[in-house]
Amino acid sequence: MEQNNKPGLRDILVSTVAAAFGVQSKANQERDFKHGNIWVFIVAGIIFTAAFVATVYLIVRSVLATA
């Protein structure tokens, strides 16, 4: 992908996950800030956080049910 294009869906997902774990590259971060829409990243972050919390909850519930 050329650095001057808007980030696509895959780029947004990768950026959201990388940012959540603190491994976002400087080039991707600059692309997101220059060409991305903040609301798309906010919504993606909220969805990722909800999915992450739900996954942890289900894993803990599963482990405690078998213990």
C-alpha atoms as a PDB file:
ATOM      1  CA  MET A   1       0.000   0.000   0.000  1.00  0.00           C
ATOM      2  CA  GLU A   2       1.243   3.434  -0.845  1.00  0.00           C
ATOM      3  CA  GLN A   3       1.777   5.634   2.224  1.00  0.00           C
ATOM      4  CA  ASN A   4      -0.461   8.437   0.881  1.00  0.00           C
ATOM      5  CA  ASN A   5      -3.666   6.374   0.652  1.00  0.00           C
ATOM      6  CA  LYS A   6      -6.400   6.203   3.244  1.00  0.00           C
ATOM      7  CA  PRO A   7      -6.158   3.124   5.451  1.00  0.00           C
ATOM      8  CA  GLY A   8      -8.482   0.319   4.411  1.00  0.00           C
ATOM      9  CA  LEU A   9     -10.433  -2.064   6.639  1.00  0.00           C
ATOM     10  CA  ARG A  10      -7.497  -4.436   7.027  1.00  0.00           C
ATOM     11  CA  ASP A  11      -5.181  -1.533   7.879  1.00  0.00           C
ATOM     12  CA  ILE A  12      -7.622  -0.263  10.497  1.00  0.00           C
ATOM     13  CA  LEU A  13      -7.928  -3.702  12.104  1.00  0.00           C
ATOM     14  CA  VAL A  14      -4.165  -4.238  12.142  1.00  0.00           C
ATOM     15  CA  SER A  15      -3.562  -0.743  13.527  1.00  0.00           C
ATOM     16  CA  THR A  16      -6.176  -1.221  16.252  1.00  0.00           C
ATOM     17  CA  VAL A  17      -4.744  -4.529  17.438  1.00  0.00           C
ATOM     18  CA  ALA A  18      -1.151  -3.298  17.205  1.00  0.00           C
ATOM     19  CA  ALA A  19      -1.976  -0.130  19.126  1.00  0.00           C
ATOM     20  CA  ALA A  20      -3.827  -2.120  21.795  1.00  0.00           C
ATOM     21  CA  PHE A  21      -0.732  -4.206  22.438  1.00  0.00           C
ATOM     22  CA  GLY A  22       1.667  -1.262  22.066  1.00  0.00           C
ATOM     23  CA  VAL A  23       3.513  -2.468  18.983  1.00  0.00           C
ATOM     24  CA  GLN A  24       2.238   0.030  16.391  1.00  0.00           C
ATOM     25  CA  SER A  25       4.938   1.001  13.897  1.00  0.00           C
ATOM     26  CA  LYS A  26       5.793   4.675  13.466  1.00  0.00           C
ATOM     27  CA  ALA A  27       4.985   4.561   9.736  1.00  0.00           C
ATOM     28  CA  ASN A  28       1.514   3.082  10.327  1.00  0.00           C
ATOM     29  CA  GLN A  29       0.837   5.522  13.144  1.00  0.00           C
ATOM     30  CA  GLU A  30       1.741   8.476  10.929  1.00  0.00           C
ATOM     31  CA  ARG A  31      -0.442   7.113   8.094  1.00  0.00           C
ATOM     32  CA  ASP A  32      -3.364   6.713  10.492  1.00  0.00           C
ATOM     33  CA  PHE A  33      -3.015  10.242  11.848  1.00  0.00           C
ATOM     34  CA  LYS A  34      -2.576  11.845   8.421  1.00  0.00           C
ATOM     35  CA  HIS A  35      -5.162   9.951   6.392  1.00  0.00           C
ATOM     36  CA  GLY A  36      -7.440   8.143   8.822  1.00  0.00           C
ATOM     37  CA  ASN A  37     -10.747   9.200  10.318  1.00  0.00           C
ATOM     38  CA  ILE A  38     -10.580   9.374  14.117  1.00  0.00           C
ATOM     39  CA  TRP A  39     -14.128   8.056  14.558  1.00  0.00           C
ATOM     40  CA  VAL A  40     -13.346   4.882  12.627  1.00  0.00           C
ATOM     41  CA  PHE A  41     -10.443   4.160  14.977  1.00  0.00           C
ATOM     42  CA  ILE A  42     -12.505   5.001  18.069  1.00  0.00           C
ATOM     43  CA  VAL A  43     -15.269   2.598  17.012  1.00  0.00           C
ATOM     44  CA  ALA A  44     -12.717  -0.080  16.110  1.00  0.00           C
ATOM     45  CA  GLY A  45     -11.068   0.367  19.523  1.00  0.00           C
ATOM     46  CA  ILE A  46     -14.380   0.058  21.364  1.00  0.00           C
ATOM     47  CA  ILE A  47     -15.314  -3.072  19.400  1.00  0.00           C
ATOM     48  CA  PHE A  48     -11.864  -4.592  19.987  1.00  0.00           C
ATOM     49  CA  THR A  49     -12.024  -3.829  23.715  1.00  0.00           C
ATOM     50  CA  ALA A  50     -15.499  -5.349  24.036  1.00  0.00           C
ATOM     51  CA  ALA A  51     -14.412  -8.470  22.152  1.00  0.00           C
ATOM     52  CA  PHE A  52     -11.247  -8.762  24.257  1.00  0.00           C
ATOM     53  CA  VAL A  53     -13.157  -8.436  27.551  1.00  0.00           C
ATOM     54  CA  ALA A  54     -15.778 -10.950  26.376  1.00  0.00           C
ATOM     55  CA  THR A  55     -13.059 -13.407  25.371  1.00  0.00           C
ATOM     56  CA  VAL A  56     -11.285 -13.121  28.730  1.00  0.00           C
ATOM     57  CA  TYR A  57     -14.622 -13.497  30.533  1.00  0.00           C
ATOM     58  CA  LEU A  58     -15.498 -16.652  28.582  1.00  0.00           C
ATOM     59  CA  ILE A  59     -12.057 -18.178  29.159  1.00  0.00           C
ATOM     60  CA  VAL A  60     -12.213 -17.506  32.914  1.00  0.00           C
ATOM     61  CA  ARG A  61     -15.759 -18.846  33.098  1.00  0.00           C
ATOM     62  CA  SER A  62     -14.710 -21.986  31.208  1.00  0.00           C
ATOM     63  CA  VAL A  63     -11.685 -22.588  33.422  1.00  0.00           C
ATOM     64  CA  LEU A  64     -13.655 -22.066  36.636  1.00  0.00           C
ATOM     65  CA  ALA A  65     -16.414 -24.406  35.434  1.00  0.00           C
ATOM     66  CA  THR A  66     -13.922 -27.239  34.952  1.00  0.00           C
ATOM     67  CA  ALA A  67     -12.079 -26.649  38.228  1.00  0.00           C
END
